[in-house]
N, C-alpha and C. Protein backbone atom coordinates (compact mmCIF):
# COMPACT_ATOMS: atom_id res chain seq x y z
N MET A 1 -9.37 2.50 15.54
CA MET A 1 -9.37 1.92 14.19
C MET A 1 -10.78 2.05 13.59
N GLU A 2 -10.87 2.68 12.44
CA GLU A 2 -12.16 2.85 11.77
C GLU A 2 -12.35 1.68 10.80
N LYS A 3 -13.45 0.98 10.98
CA LYS A 3 -13.70 -0.16 10.08
C LYS A 3 -14.63 0.22 8.93
N ASP A 4 -15.50 1.20 9.14
CA ASP A 4 -16.55 1.44 8.16
C ASP A 4 -16.26 2.58 7.19
N ILE A 5 -15.50 3.58 7.65
CA ILE A 5 -15.33 4.75 6.80
C ILE A 5 -13.88 5.19 6.76
N PHE A 6 -13.57 5.97 5.75
CA PHE A 6 -12.29 6.67 5.69
C PHE A 6 -12.57 8.12 6.05
N GLU A 7 -11.70 8.71 6.86
CA GLU A 7 -11.88 10.10 7.26
C GLU A 7 -10.85 10.99 6.57
N SER A 8 -11.31 12.16 6.16
CA SER A 8 -10.41 13.13 5.54
C SER A 8 -9.28 13.49 6.49
N GLY A 9 -8.08 13.65 5.91
CA GLY A 9 -6.92 14.07 6.69
C GLY A 9 -6.28 12.98 7.52
N GLN A 10 -6.78 11.75 7.43
CA GLN A 10 -6.24 10.66 8.25
C GLN A 10 -5.36 9.72 7.43
N TYR A 11 -4.39 9.13 8.11
CA TYR A 11 -3.47 8.15 7.50
C TYR A 11 -4.05 6.74 7.68
N TYR A 12 -3.87 5.91 6.65
CA TYR A 12 -4.35 4.53 6.72
C TYR A 12 -3.35 3.55 6.12
N HIS A 13 -3.36 2.36 6.67
CA HIS A 13 -2.69 1.21 6.07
C HIS A 13 -3.82 0.33 5.55
N ILE A 14 -3.89 0.15 4.24
CA ILE A 14 -4.93 -0.72 3.69
C ILE A 14 -4.28 -1.95 3.09
N TYR A 15 -4.95 -3.06 3.22
CA TYR A 15 -4.39 -4.31 2.72
C TYR A 15 -5.50 -5.33 2.52
N ASN A 16 -5.22 -6.28 1.67
CA ASN A 16 -6.16 -7.37 1.44
C ASN A 16 -5.41 -8.48 0.73
N ARG A 17 -6.01 -9.64 0.68
CA ARG A 17 -5.39 -10.75 -0.02
C ARG A 17 -6.41 -11.44 -0.90
N GLY A 18 -5.92 -12.34 -1.71
CA GLY A 18 -6.79 -13.08 -2.61
C GLY A 18 -7.76 -13.97 -1.85
N ASN A 19 -8.93 -14.11 -2.42
CA ASN A 19 -9.93 -15.01 -1.85
C ASN A 19 -9.34 -16.41 -1.76
N ASN A 20 -9.53 -17.07 -0.62
CA ASN A 20 -8.95 -18.41 -0.40
C ASN A 20 -7.43 -18.42 -0.60
N LYS A 21 -6.79 -17.27 -0.34
CA LYS A 21 -5.34 -17.11 -0.45
C LYS A 21 -4.80 -17.30 -1.86
N GLU A 22 -5.70 -17.23 -2.86
CA GLU A 22 -5.21 -17.40 -4.24
C GLU A 22 -4.51 -16.12 -4.71
N ASN A 23 -3.74 -16.24 -5.78
CA ASN A 23 -2.98 -15.11 -6.29
C ASN A 23 -3.90 -14.04 -6.88
N VAL A 24 -3.59 -12.79 -6.61
CA VAL A 24 -4.30 -11.68 -7.24
C VAL A 24 -3.46 -11.08 -8.37
N PHE A 25 -2.19 -11.46 -8.40
CA PHE A 25 -1.30 -11.07 -9.50
C PHE A 25 -0.80 -12.35 -10.14
N VAL A 26 -1.23 -12.58 -11.38
CA VAL A 26 -0.93 -13.84 -12.05
C VAL A 26 0.35 -13.74 -12.86
N GLU A 27 0.57 -12.58 -13.48
CA GLU A 27 1.78 -12.37 -14.28
C GLU A 27 2.24 -10.92 -14.15
N GLU A 28 3.41 -10.62 -14.67
CA GLU A 28 4.04 -9.31 -14.51
C GLU A 28 3.11 -8.15 -14.87
N ARG A 29 2.41 -8.25 -15.96
CA ARG A 29 1.60 -7.12 -16.41
C ARG A 29 0.49 -6.78 -15.43
N ASN A 30 0.09 -7.73 -14.60
CA ASN A 30 -0.96 -7.46 -13.60
C ASN A 30 -0.51 -6.42 -12.57
N TYR A 31 0.76 -6.46 -12.19
CA TYR A 31 1.27 -5.49 -11.22
C TYR A 31 1.17 -4.06 -11.77
N ARG A 32 1.59 -3.90 -13.01
CA ARG A 32 1.53 -2.57 -13.64
C ARG A 32 0.07 -2.10 -13.76
N PHE A 33 -0.79 -3.02 -14.14
CA PHE A 33 -2.21 -2.70 -14.31
C PHE A 33 -2.82 -2.25 -12.97
N PHE A 34 -2.48 -2.95 -11.89
CA PHE A 34 -2.96 -2.61 -10.56
C PHE A 34 -2.52 -1.19 -10.18
N LEU A 35 -1.25 -0.87 -10.45
CA LEU A 35 -0.72 0.46 -10.13
C LEU A 35 -1.39 1.55 -10.97
N GLU A 36 -1.69 1.24 -12.23
CA GLU A 36 -2.42 2.20 -13.07
C GLU A 36 -3.81 2.48 -12.50
N LYS A 37 -4.47 1.42 -12.06
CA LYS A 37 -5.80 1.58 -11.45
C LYS A 37 -5.69 2.36 -10.14
N MET A 38 -4.64 2.10 -9.38
CA MET A 38 -4.44 2.81 -8.12
C MET A 38 -4.30 4.31 -8.38
N LYS A 39 -3.50 4.66 -9.39
CA LYS A 39 -3.33 6.08 -9.74
C LYS A 39 -4.66 6.70 -10.14
N LYS A 40 -5.40 6.00 -10.98
CA LYS A 40 -6.67 6.53 -11.50
C LYS A 40 -7.68 6.77 -10.38
N TYR A 41 -7.82 5.80 -9.49
CA TYR A 41 -8.89 5.88 -8.50
C TYR A 41 -8.48 6.52 -7.17
N LEU A 42 -7.25 6.30 -6.73
CA LEU A 42 -6.87 6.76 -5.39
C LEU A 42 -6.20 8.13 -5.36
N LEU A 43 -5.41 8.46 -6.38
CA LEU A 43 -4.69 9.74 -6.32
C LEU A 43 -5.62 10.97 -6.23
N PRO A 44 -6.82 10.94 -6.81
CA PRO A 44 -7.71 12.10 -6.63
C PRO A 44 -8.17 12.30 -5.18
N ILE A 45 -8.10 11.24 -4.37
CA ILE A 45 -8.60 11.36 -3.00
C ILE A 45 -7.54 11.14 -1.93
N ALA A 46 -6.34 10.73 -2.32
CA ALA A 46 -5.34 10.36 -1.31
C ALA A 46 -3.92 10.64 -1.79
N ASP A 47 -3.04 10.85 -0.81
CA ASP A 47 -1.60 10.88 -1.06
C ASP A 47 -1.08 9.50 -0.72
N VAL A 48 -0.45 8.84 -1.68
CA VAL A 48 0.07 7.49 -1.44
C VAL A 48 1.52 7.61 -0.99
N TYR A 49 1.84 6.94 0.12
CA TYR A 49 3.17 7.03 0.72
C TYR A 49 4.02 5.79 0.49
N ALA A 50 3.39 4.64 0.37
CA ALA A 50 4.15 3.41 0.16
C ALA A 50 3.19 2.32 -0.29
N TYR A 51 3.74 1.33 -1.01
CA TYR A 51 2.95 0.16 -1.37
C TYR A 51 3.88 -1.03 -1.56
N CYS A 52 3.30 -2.19 -1.48
CA CYS A 52 4.01 -3.42 -1.83
C CYS A 52 2.97 -4.41 -2.35
N LEU A 53 3.26 -4.95 -3.52
CA LEU A 53 2.36 -5.93 -4.14
C LEU A 53 3.06 -7.28 -4.15
N LEU A 54 2.43 -8.27 -3.53
CA LEU A 54 2.94 -9.63 -3.52
C LEU A 54 1.90 -10.50 -4.24
N LYS A 55 2.30 -11.68 -4.64
CA LYS A 55 1.43 -12.49 -5.49
C LYS A 55 -0.01 -12.59 -4.98
N ASN A 56 -0.15 -12.83 -3.67
CA ASN A 56 -1.51 -13.07 -3.17
C ASN A 56 -2.04 -11.98 -2.24
N HIS A 57 -1.29 -10.89 -2.05
CA HIS A 57 -1.82 -9.80 -1.24
C HIS A 57 -1.08 -8.50 -1.53
N PHE A 58 -1.61 -7.41 -0.97
CA PHE A 58 -0.99 -6.10 -1.20
C PHE A 58 -1.11 -5.26 0.07
N HIS A 59 -0.24 -4.26 0.15
CA HIS A 59 -0.27 -3.26 1.22
C HIS A 59 -0.16 -1.89 0.57
N ILE A 60 -0.92 -0.93 1.06
CA ILE A 60 -0.80 0.47 0.62
C ILE A 60 -0.89 1.36 1.87
N VAL A 61 0.03 2.31 1.96
CA VAL A 61 -0.01 3.29 3.05
C VAL A 61 -0.34 4.64 2.41
N LEU A 62 -1.35 5.31 2.94
CA LEU A 62 -1.81 6.55 2.32
C LEU A 62 -2.44 7.48 3.32
N ARG A 63 -2.68 8.70 2.88
CA ARG A 63 -3.41 9.69 3.67
C ARG A 63 -4.56 10.22 2.83
N ILE A 64 -5.77 10.16 3.39
CA ILE A 64 -6.93 10.74 2.70
C ILE A 64 -6.76 12.26 2.70
N LYS A 65 -6.98 12.87 1.56
CA LYS A 65 -6.82 14.32 1.45
C LYS A 65 -7.82 15.06 2.35
N ASP A 66 -7.46 16.29 2.69
CA ASP A 66 -8.37 17.14 3.46
C ASP A 66 -9.63 17.41 2.63
N LYS A 67 -10.73 17.66 3.32
CA LYS A 67 -12.00 17.87 2.61
C LYS A 67 -11.92 18.96 1.56
N MET A 68 -11.19 20.04 1.87
CA MET A 68 -11.12 21.16 0.92
C MET A 68 -10.37 20.77 -0.36
N GLU A 69 -9.59 19.68 -0.32
CA GLU A 69 -8.87 19.22 -1.50
C GLU A 69 -9.69 18.25 -2.35
N LEU A 70 -10.79 17.77 -1.79
CA LEU A 70 -11.62 16.78 -2.49
C LEU A 70 -12.68 17.46 -3.35
N SER A 71 -13.00 16.83 -4.47
CA SER A 71 -14.09 17.37 -5.29
C SER A 71 -15.40 17.20 -4.54
N ASP A 72 -16.36 18.05 -4.83
CA ASP A 72 -17.63 18.06 -4.10
C ASP A 72 -18.32 16.70 -4.10
N ASN A 73 -18.24 16.00 -5.23
CA ASN A 73 -18.95 14.71 -5.32
C ASN A 73 -18.27 13.61 -4.51
N LEU A 74 -17.05 13.86 -4.00
CA LEU A 74 -16.36 12.83 -3.22
C LEU A 74 -16.24 13.18 -1.73
N LYS A 75 -16.59 14.38 -1.36
CA LYS A 75 -16.41 14.82 0.03
C LYS A 75 -17.05 13.86 1.04
N GLU A 76 -18.23 13.37 0.74
CA GLU A 76 -18.94 12.47 1.66
C GLU A 76 -18.89 11.01 1.19
N LYS A 77 -18.16 10.75 0.12
CA LYS A 77 -18.13 9.39 -0.43
C LYS A 77 -16.69 8.95 -0.72
N VAL A 78 -15.80 9.20 0.24
CA VAL A 78 -14.39 8.89 0.03
C VAL A 78 -14.16 7.38 -0.15
N HIS A 79 -15.07 6.57 0.35
CA HIS A 79 -14.93 5.11 0.22
C HIS A 79 -15.17 4.63 -1.22
N LEU A 80 -15.92 5.41 -2.01
CA LEU A 80 -16.30 4.94 -3.35
C LEU A 80 -15.11 4.66 -4.28
N PRO A 81 -14.11 5.53 -4.35
CA PRO A 81 -12.97 5.22 -5.22
C PRO A 81 -12.27 3.91 -4.85
N PHE A 82 -12.27 3.55 -3.57
CA PHE A 82 -11.68 2.27 -3.16
C PHE A 82 -12.48 1.12 -3.75
N SER A 83 -13.80 1.18 -3.60
CA SER A 83 -14.66 0.13 -4.17
C SER A 83 -14.47 0.04 -5.68
N ASN A 84 -14.47 1.20 -6.33
CA ASN A 84 -14.32 1.22 -7.79
C ASN A 84 -12.98 0.66 -8.22
N PHE A 85 -11.93 1.00 -7.50
CA PHE A 85 -10.58 0.51 -7.79
C PHE A 85 -10.54 -1.02 -7.75
N PHE A 86 -10.94 -1.60 -6.63
CA PHE A 86 -10.81 -3.05 -6.48
C PHE A 86 -11.81 -3.82 -7.33
N ASN A 87 -13.02 -3.26 -7.51
CA ASN A 87 -13.99 -3.92 -8.40
C ASN A 87 -13.50 -3.91 -9.84
N SER A 88 -12.95 -2.80 -10.27
CA SER A 88 -12.45 -2.68 -11.64
C SER A 88 -11.29 -3.65 -11.89
N TYR A 89 -10.37 -3.71 -10.92
CA TYR A 89 -9.24 -4.64 -11.07
C TYR A 89 -9.73 -6.09 -11.09
N ALA A 90 -10.63 -6.43 -10.18
CA ALA A 90 -11.14 -7.81 -10.10
C ALA A 90 -11.87 -8.22 -11.37
N LYS A 91 -12.69 -7.33 -11.90
CA LYS A 91 -13.42 -7.64 -13.14
C LYS A 91 -12.44 -7.90 -14.29
N SER A 92 -11.41 -7.08 -14.38
CA SER A 92 -10.41 -7.25 -15.44
C SER A 92 -9.67 -8.58 -15.32
N ILE A 93 -9.30 -8.94 -14.10
CA ILE A 93 -8.60 -10.21 -13.87
C ILE A 93 -9.53 -11.38 -14.17
N ASN A 94 -10.77 -11.30 -13.71
CA ASN A 94 -11.73 -12.37 -13.99
C ASN A 94 -11.90 -12.57 -15.49
N LYS A 95 -12.01 -11.47 -16.22
CA LYS A 95 -12.20 -11.56 -17.67
C LYS A 95 -10.94 -12.12 -18.35
N ALA A 96 -9.78 -11.61 -17.96
CA ALA A 96 -8.52 -12.02 -18.60
C ALA A 96 -8.19 -13.49 -18.38
N TYR A 97 -8.56 -14.02 -17.20
CA TYR A 97 -8.18 -15.39 -16.86
C TYR A 97 -9.38 -16.33 -16.76
N ASN A 98 -10.50 -15.88 -17.32
CA ASN A 98 -11.69 -16.72 -17.40
C ASN A 98 -12.07 -17.31 -16.04
N ARG A 99 -12.09 -16.45 -15.04
CA ARG A 99 -12.45 -16.91 -13.69
C ARG A 99 -13.72 -16.18 -13.26
N THR A 100 -14.37 -16.69 -12.23
CA THR A 100 -15.58 -16.06 -11.70
C THR A 100 -15.46 -15.94 -10.19
N GLY A 101 -16.34 -15.14 -9.62
CA GLY A 101 -16.37 -15.00 -8.17
C GLY A 101 -15.43 -13.91 -7.67
N SER A 102 -15.36 -13.80 -6.35
CA SER A 102 -14.56 -12.76 -5.72
C SER A 102 -13.08 -13.01 -5.90
N LEU A 103 -12.36 -11.98 -6.30
CA LEU A 103 -10.90 -12.09 -6.39
C LEU A 103 -10.28 -11.85 -5.02
N PHE A 104 -10.81 -10.86 -4.30
CA PHE A 104 -10.28 -10.50 -2.99
C PHE A 104 -11.15 -11.06 -1.88
N GLN A 105 -10.57 -11.13 -0.68
CA GLN A 105 -11.38 -11.45 0.48
C GLN A 105 -12.47 -10.40 0.59
N GLU A 106 -13.52 -10.73 1.29
CA GLU A 106 -14.74 -9.92 1.25
C GLU A 106 -14.52 -8.44 1.58
N HIS A 107 -13.81 -8.13 2.64
CA HIS A 107 -13.68 -6.73 3.05
C HIS A 107 -12.24 -6.26 2.97
N LEU A 108 -12.07 -5.06 2.44
CA LEU A 108 -10.78 -4.41 2.46
C LEU A 108 -10.39 -4.17 3.92
N GLN A 109 -9.17 -4.54 4.28
CA GLN A 109 -8.70 -4.32 5.64
C GLN A 109 -8.09 -2.93 5.72
N ARG A 110 -8.37 -2.23 6.80
CA ARG A 110 -7.78 -0.90 6.97
C ARG A 110 -7.49 -0.64 8.44
N ASN A 111 -6.35 -0.07 8.68
CA ASN A 111 -5.97 0.37 10.03
C ASN A 111 -5.64 1.84 9.97
N ARG A 112 -6.23 2.61 10.86
CA ARG A 112 -5.89 4.02 10.92
C ARG A 112 -4.56 4.18 11.64
N ILE A 113 -3.72 5.04 11.12
CA ILE A 113 -2.39 5.27 11.69
C ILE A 113 -2.48 6.53 12.53
N GLU A 114 -2.23 6.38 13.82
CA GLU A 114 -2.51 7.47 14.75
C GLU A 114 -1.34 8.43 14.98
N ASN A 115 -0.11 8.05 14.62
CA ASN A 115 1.01 8.96 14.85
C ASN A 115 2.11 8.73 13.82
N GLU A 116 3.01 9.68 13.72
CA GLU A 116 4.03 9.64 12.66
C GLU A 116 5.08 8.56 12.90
N GLU A 117 5.34 8.20 14.17
CA GLU A 117 6.30 7.13 14.44
C GLU A 117 5.77 5.81 13.89
N TYR A 118 4.50 5.56 14.12
CA TYR A 118 3.88 4.33 13.61
C TYR A 118 3.83 4.37 12.08
N LEU A 119 3.58 5.54 11.52
CA LEU A 119 3.59 5.70 10.07
C LEU A 119 4.95 5.29 9.51
N LYS A 120 6.02 5.74 10.14
CA LYS A 120 7.37 5.37 9.69
C LYS A 120 7.59 3.86 9.78
N GLN A 121 7.18 3.28 10.91
CA GLN A 121 7.34 1.83 11.08
C GLN A 121 6.59 1.06 10.00
N LEU A 122 5.38 1.51 9.70
CA LEU A 122 4.58 0.82 8.68
C LEU A 122 5.20 0.91 7.30
N ILE A 123 5.72 2.07 6.96
CA ILE A 123 6.35 2.22 5.65
C ILE A 123 7.51 1.26 5.50
N VAL A 124 8.33 1.16 6.54
CA VAL A 124 9.45 0.22 6.52
C VAL A 124 8.93 -1.22 6.45
N TYR A 125 7.93 -1.52 7.25
CA TYR A 125 7.35 -2.86 7.27
C TYR A 125 6.82 -3.27 5.90
N VAL A 126 6.10 -2.34 5.25
CA VAL A 126 5.55 -2.62 3.92
C VAL A 126 6.67 -2.92 2.93
N HIS A 127 7.75 -2.15 2.99
CA HIS A 127 8.87 -2.38 2.07
C HIS A 127 9.63 -3.67 2.38
N LEU A 128 9.60 -4.12 3.64
CA LEU A 128 10.29 -5.36 4.01
C LEU A 128 9.43 -6.60 3.76
N ASN A 129 8.18 -6.40 3.44
CA ASN A 129 7.25 -7.52 3.26
C ASN A 129 7.72 -8.61 2.30
N PRO A 130 8.33 -8.27 1.16
CA PRO A 130 8.77 -9.33 0.24
C PRO A 130 9.82 -10.25 0.86
N VAL A 131 10.63 -9.73 1.78
CA VAL A 131 11.62 -10.55 2.47
C VAL A 131 10.92 -11.44 3.49
N LYS A 132 9.99 -10.84 4.23
CA LYS A 132 9.24 -11.58 5.24
C LYS A 132 8.55 -12.80 4.64
N HIS A 133 8.02 -12.64 3.41
CA HIS A 133 7.29 -13.73 2.76
C HIS A 133 8.14 -14.51 1.78
N ASN A 134 9.45 -14.33 1.87
CA ASN A 134 10.41 -15.10 1.06
C ASN A 134 10.24 -14.95 -0.45
N PHE A 135 9.84 -13.75 -0.89
CA PHE A 135 9.79 -13.49 -2.32
C PHE A 135 11.15 -13.03 -2.84
N THR A 136 11.96 -12.53 -1.94
CA THR A 136 13.29 -12.06 -2.31
C THR A 136 14.16 -12.04 -1.07
N LYS A 137 15.47 -12.05 -1.26
CA LYS A 137 16.38 -11.92 -0.13
C LYS A 137 16.70 -10.46 0.14
N SER A 138 16.45 -9.61 -0.87
CA SER A 138 16.84 -8.21 -0.77
C SER A 138 15.66 -7.30 -1.12
N PHE A 139 15.07 -6.68 -0.11
CA PHE A 139 13.88 -5.85 -0.33
C PHE A 139 14.15 -4.68 -1.28
N ASP A 140 15.40 -4.21 -1.33
CA ASP A 140 15.69 -3.00 -2.11
C ASP A 140 15.73 -3.23 -3.61
N THR A 141 15.72 -4.49 -4.03
CA THR A 141 15.68 -4.78 -5.47
C THR A 141 14.33 -5.36 -5.90
N TYR A 142 13.42 -5.54 -4.95
CA TYR A 142 12.10 -6.10 -5.29
C TYR A 142 11.36 -5.11 -6.20
N LEU A 143 10.83 -5.62 -7.30
CA LEU A 143 10.27 -4.75 -8.34
C LEU A 143 8.91 -4.16 -8.03
N HIS A 144 8.16 -4.78 -7.14
CA HIS A 144 6.76 -4.40 -6.97
C HIS A 144 6.48 -3.71 -5.63
N SER A 145 7.42 -2.91 -5.19
CA SER A 145 7.18 -2.07 -4.01
C SER A 145 7.62 -0.65 -4.34
N SER A 146 7.26 0.29 -3.48
CA SER A 146 7.61 1.68 -3.73
C SER A 146 9.02 2.04 -3.28
N TYR A 147 9.73 1.11 -2.67
CA TYR A 147 11.06 1.44 -2.13
C TYR A 147 11.96 2.06 -3.19
N ARG A 148 11.99 1.48 -4.37
CA ARG A 148 12.90 1.97 -5.41
C ARG A 148 12.52 3.37 -5.90
N SER A 149 11.25 3.74 -5.74
CA SER A 149 10.84 5.11 -6.10
C SER A 149 11.53 6.14 -5.21
N PHE A 150 11.81 5.75 -3.98
CA PHE A 150 12.48 6.67 -3.06
C PHE A 150 13.97 6.80 -3.39
N MET A 151 14.52 5.81 -4.06
CA MET A 151 15.94 5.83 -4.41
C MET A 151 16.19 6.55 -5.74
N SER A 152 15.12 6.93 -6.41
CA SER A 152 15.21 7.49 -7.75
C SER A 152 14.83 8.97 -7.76
N ASP A 153 15.29 9.67 -8.79
CA ASP A 153 14.87 11.06 -8.99
C ASP A 153 13.75 11.16 -10.01
N LYS A 154 13.37 10.02 -10.58
CA LYS A 154 12.32 10.03 -11.61
C LYS A 154 10.98 10.44 -11.00
N GLU A 155 10.12 10.95 -11.86
CA GLU A 155 8.78 11.35 -11.42
C GLU A 155 8.05 10.13 -10.86
N THR A 156 7.29 10.34 -9.80
CA THR A 156 6.57 9.24 -9.17
C THR A 156 5.24 9.73 -8.62
N SER A 157 4.31 8.81 -8.44
CA SER A 157 3.02 9.15 -7.83
C SER A 157 3.10 9.10 -6.31
N ILE A 158 4.20 8.55 -5.79
CA ILE A 158 4.41 8.47 -4.35
C ILE A 158 4.75 9.87 -3.83
N ASP A 159 4.23 10.22 -2.66
CA ASP A 159 4.57 11.51 -2.06
C ASP A 159 5.96 11.40 -1.40
N ARG A 160 6.97 11.35 -2.25
CA ARG A 160 8.35 11.07 -1.83
C ARG A 160 8.90 12.14 -0.88
N ASP A 161 8.67 13.41 -1.21
CA ASP A 161 9.24 14.50 -0.40
C ASP A 161 8.74 14.46 1.04
N PHE A 162 7.44 14.26 1.22
CA PHE A 162 6.89 14.23 2.57
C PHE A 162 7.51 13.11 3.39
N ILE A 163 7.62 11.93 2.78
CA ILE A 163 8.13 10.77 3.53
C ILE A 163 9.63 10.92 3.83
N LEU A 164 10.41 11.39 2.87
CA LEU A 164 11.84 11.57 3.13
C LEU A 164 12.06 12.62 4.23
N GLU A 165 11.22 13.65 4.23
CA GLU A 165 11.31 14.66 5.30
C GLU A 165 10.93 14.04 6.65
N LEU A 166 9.91 13.19 6.63
CA LEU A 166 9.48 12.51 7.85
C LEU A 166 10.61 11.67 8.45
N PHE A 167 11.39 11.03 7.58
CA PHE A 167 12.50 10.19 8.03
C PHE A 167 13.77 10.99 8.30
N GLY A 168 13.77 12.27 7.95
CA GLY A 168 14.96 13.08 8.15
C GLY A 168 15.97 12.94 7.04
N GLY A 169 15.50 12.64 5.83
CA GLY A 169 16.39 12.55 4.67
C GLY A 169 16.58 11.14 4.16
N LEU A 170 17.17 11.05 2.98
CA LEU A 170 17.33 9.76 2.29
C LEU A 170 18.22 8.79 3.06
N GLU A 171 19.31 9.29 3.64
CA GLU A 171 20.21 8.39 4.37
C GLU A 171 19.52 7.77 5.58
N ASN A 172 18.74 8.56 6.28
CA ASN A 172 17.99 8.02 7.42
C ASN A 172 16.92 7.04 6.94
N PHE A 173 16.30 7.34 5.82
CA PHE A 173 15.30 6.45 5.24
C PHE A 173 15.94 5.08 4.96
N LYS A 174 17.12 5.08 4.36
CA LYS A 174 17.83 3.82 4.08
C LYS A 174 18.19 3.12 5.39
N PHE A 175 18.67 3.91 6.34
CA PHE A 175 19.09 3.35 7.63
C PHE A 175 17.93 2.63 8.32
N TYR A 176 16.77 3.26 8.33
CA TYR A 176 15.59 2.64 8.94
C TYR A 176 15.23 1.33 8.26
N HIS A 177 15.56 1.22 6.99
CA HIS A 177 15.21 0.02 6.24
C HIS A 177 16.24 -1.10 6.40
N ASP A 178 17.27 -0.85 7.14
CA ASP A 178 18.26 -1.90 7.38
C ASP A 178 17.57 -3.04 8.12
N GLU A 179 17.39 -4.12 7.42
CA GLU A 179 16.53 -5.21 7.92
C GLU A 179 17.00 -5.77 9.26
N LYS A 180 18.30 -6.00 9.40
CA LYS A 180 18.79 -6.61 10.64
C LYS A 180 18.51 -5.71 11.83
N ARG A 181 18.71 -4.41 11.63
CA ARG A 181 18.47 -3.47 12.72
C ARG A 181 17.00 -3.51 13.13
N LEU A 182 16.09 -3.58 12.16
CA LEU A 182 14.67 -3.63 12.48
C LEU A 182 14.30 -4.88 13.25
N VAL A 183 14.82 -6.01 12.79
CA VAL A 183 14.49 -7.27 13.46
C VAL A 183 15.04 -7.25 14.88
N TYR A 184 16.27 -6.78 15.05
CA TYR A 184 16.87 -6.74 16.38
C TYR A 184 16.12 -5.82 17.32
N GLU A 185 15.62 -4.73 16.80
CA GLU A 185 14.89 -3.80 17.66
C GLU A 185 13.44 -4.20 17.86
N GLY A 186 13.02 -5.26 17.17
CA GLY A 186 11.68 -5.80 17.40
C GLY A 186 10.55 -5.07 16.69
N VAL A 187 10.88 -4.17 15.76
CA VAL A 187 9.82 -3.43 15.09
C VAL A 187 8.92 -4.37 14.30
N ILE A 188 9.52 -5.33 13.63
CA ILE A 188 8.71 -6.27 12.85
C ILE A 188 7.78 -7.05 13.78
N ASP A 189 8.28 -7.47 14.93
CA ASP A 189 7.45 -8.22 15.87
C ASP A 189 6.27 -7.38 16.35
N ILE A 190 6.52 -6.09 16.57
CA ILE A 190 5.47 -5.22 17.10
C ILE A 190 4.29 -5.14 16.13
N ILE A 191 4.60 -4.98 14.83
CA ILE A 191 3.51 -4.77 13.90
C ILE A 191 3.19 -6.00 13.04
N ASP A 192 3.82 -7.12 13.39
CA ASP A 192 3.61 -8.35 12.65
C ASP A 192 2.17 -8.83 12.74
N LYS A 193 1.49 -8.49 13.80
CA LYS A 193 0.13 -8.98 14.03
C LYS A 193 -0.85 -8.54 12.95
N ILE A 194 -0.54 -7.42 12.29
CA ILE A 194 -1.49 -6.92 11.30
C ILE A 194 -1.39 -7.64 9.97
N ASP A 195 -0.35 -8.46 9.79
CA ASP A 195 -0.17 -9.11 8.50
C ASP A 195 -0.81 -10.49 8.52
N TYR A 196 -0.78 -11.14 7.35
CA TYR A 196 -1.44 -12.44 7.23
C TYR A 196 -0.50 -13.55 7.66
């Protein structure tokens, strides 16, 4: 697990929560704004595979692009767009809601994903997060995760083709997301330790 840097060509699960567990998304428009910032800052340096935004925390699964795909000014500074993304979002929220201080906990949490099986488990876990935290009974209708992007043919910033191929197609993708099956097989228990 790399704590200090992001490496080109590597998969990561990044997550963080609000300072003192406070909400980082106050109203509906904040979710859209966060995703717009994510596109602006992260898509030039990463392929995003999944995300889930909950009131007081978020999860993003991504792969840092290979060095040859990065612009020269970012090759050695892949961490900068992450800082810019979260600083920009925090400043906007502080201004909009007349608050001061850190919006997020001090350090962005990141876990390097070492194999494709774990990558699959994490994607499912991220999509099931709203159920785990009792935001909804049905993860597939939750508005602030990438799951519905996989069910749609509409244009998306998610690297849908790669992930569906990884799962062996859309039907397998849905099957893996069957919540009862995951709980019974203990997948949630295995990776539960990484969550808050």
